Amino acid sequence: MIKRLAKHGNSWAIVIDRGVMDLLKIEPESPVSITTDGTRLLIEPVRETGNDARFRAVMKKVHRRYSKAFRKLAE
């Protein structure tokens, strides 16, 4: 598939067809990782692992419990 860049404000964008998005199981708001080796771009969806979800849950719990202490430490 050959695509052209499209002007988007002061930047340039690549439009991803719905069929490709369906194949990758991503939505317009899905985070993607863009990397390069100097000659190519690789765009891939960021998948949350079970560890990521658990880490976020633990951080939310810690923040709820110790938010006052964190605020005092930041001052």
Protein backbone atom coordinates (compact mmCIF):
# COMPACT_ATOMS: atom_id res chain seq x y z
CA MET A 1 0.00 0.00 0.00
CA ILE A 2 1.42 3.36 -1.01
CA LYS A 3 0.23 6.44 0.86
CA ARG A 4 1.01 10.14 0.60
CA LEU A 5 1.44 12.52 3.49
CA ALA A 6 -1.47 14.90 4.07
CA LYS A 7 -1.13 18.44 5.45
CA HIS A 8 -2.57 18.67 8.98
CA GLY A 9 -2.16 22.16 10.45
CA ASN A 10 1.60 22.85 10.62
CA SER A 11 2.37 19.12 10.45
CA TRP A 12 2.03 16.23 8.04
CA ALA A 13 -0.08 13.12 8.65
CA ILE A 14 -0.53 9.61 7.30
CA VAL A 15 -4.15 8.55 6.99
CA ILE A 16 -4.69 4.93 8.07
CA ASP A 17 -7.54 3.16 6.26
CA ARG A 18 -10.36 1.64 8.33
CA GLY A 19 -9.50 -1.86 7.02
CA VAL A 20 -5.96 -1.61 8.40
CA MET A 21 -7.27 -0.29 11.71
CA ASP A 22 -9.73 -3.19 11.91
CA LEU A 23 -6.96 -5.67 11.13
CA LEU A 24 -4.78 -4.21 13.91
CA LYS A 25 -7.78 -3.92 16.27
CA ILE A 26 -7.17 -0.23 16.97
CA GLU A 27 -9.48 2.77 17.22
CA PRO A 28 -8.72 6.43 16.40
CA GLU A 29 -7.89 7.13 20.07
CA SER A 30 -5.65 4.05 20.47
CA PRO A 31 -2.04 4.83 21.38
CA VAL A 32 0.54 3.84 18.77
CA SER A 33 4.31 3.64 18.90
CA ILE A 34 6.27 5.24 16.04
CA THR A 35 9.89 4.17 15.65
CA THR A 36 12.48 4.45 12.91
CA ASP A 37 15.73 2.79 11.92
CA GLY A 38 16.77 5.87 9.95
CA THR A 39 15.22 4.78 6.66
CA ARG A 40 11.80 3.34 7.60
CA LEU A 41 8.93 4.18 9.92
CA LEU A 42 7.31 1.47 11.99
CA ILE A 43 3.89 2.27 13.44
CA GLU A 44 2.48 -0.31 15.83
CA PRO A 45 -0.30 -0.34 18.42
CA VAL A 46 0.69 -0.13 22.06
CA ARG A 47 -0.82 -3.09 23.86
CA GLU A 48 -1.33 -2.94 27.60
CA THR A 49 -0.04 -6.02 29.37
CA GLY A 50 -1.51 -7.46 32.55
CA ASN A 51 1.44 -6.00 34.44
CA ASP A 52 0.64 -2.50 33.15
CA ALA A 53 -2.95 -2.70 34.34
CA ARG A 54 -1.91 -4.02 37.76
CA PHE A 55 0.77 -1.32 38.07
CA ARG A 56 -1.78 1.42 37.29
CA ALA A 57 -4.22 -0.01 39.85
CA VAL A 58 -1.54 -0.13 42.55
CA MET A 59 -0.38 3.42 41.75
CA LYS A 60 -3.96 4.68 42.00
CA LYS A 61 -4.33 3.01 45.40
CA VAL A 62 -1.01 4.43 46.66
CA HIS A 63 -1.92 7.90 45.41
CA ARG A 64 -5.29 7.78 47.19
CA ARG A 65 -3.69 6.65 50.42
CA TYR A 66 -0.59 8.87 50.47
CA SER A 67 -1.54 11.93 48.38
CA LYS A 68 -1.23 14.31 51.36
CA ALA A 69 2.27 13.04 52.14
CA PHE A 70 3.28 13.38 48.48
CA ARG A 71 2.01 16.97 48.43
CA LYS A 72 4.00 17.84 51.56
CA LEU A 73 7.14 16.25 50.11
CA ALA A 74 6.73 18.29 46.94
CA GLU A 75 6.65 21.59 48.84
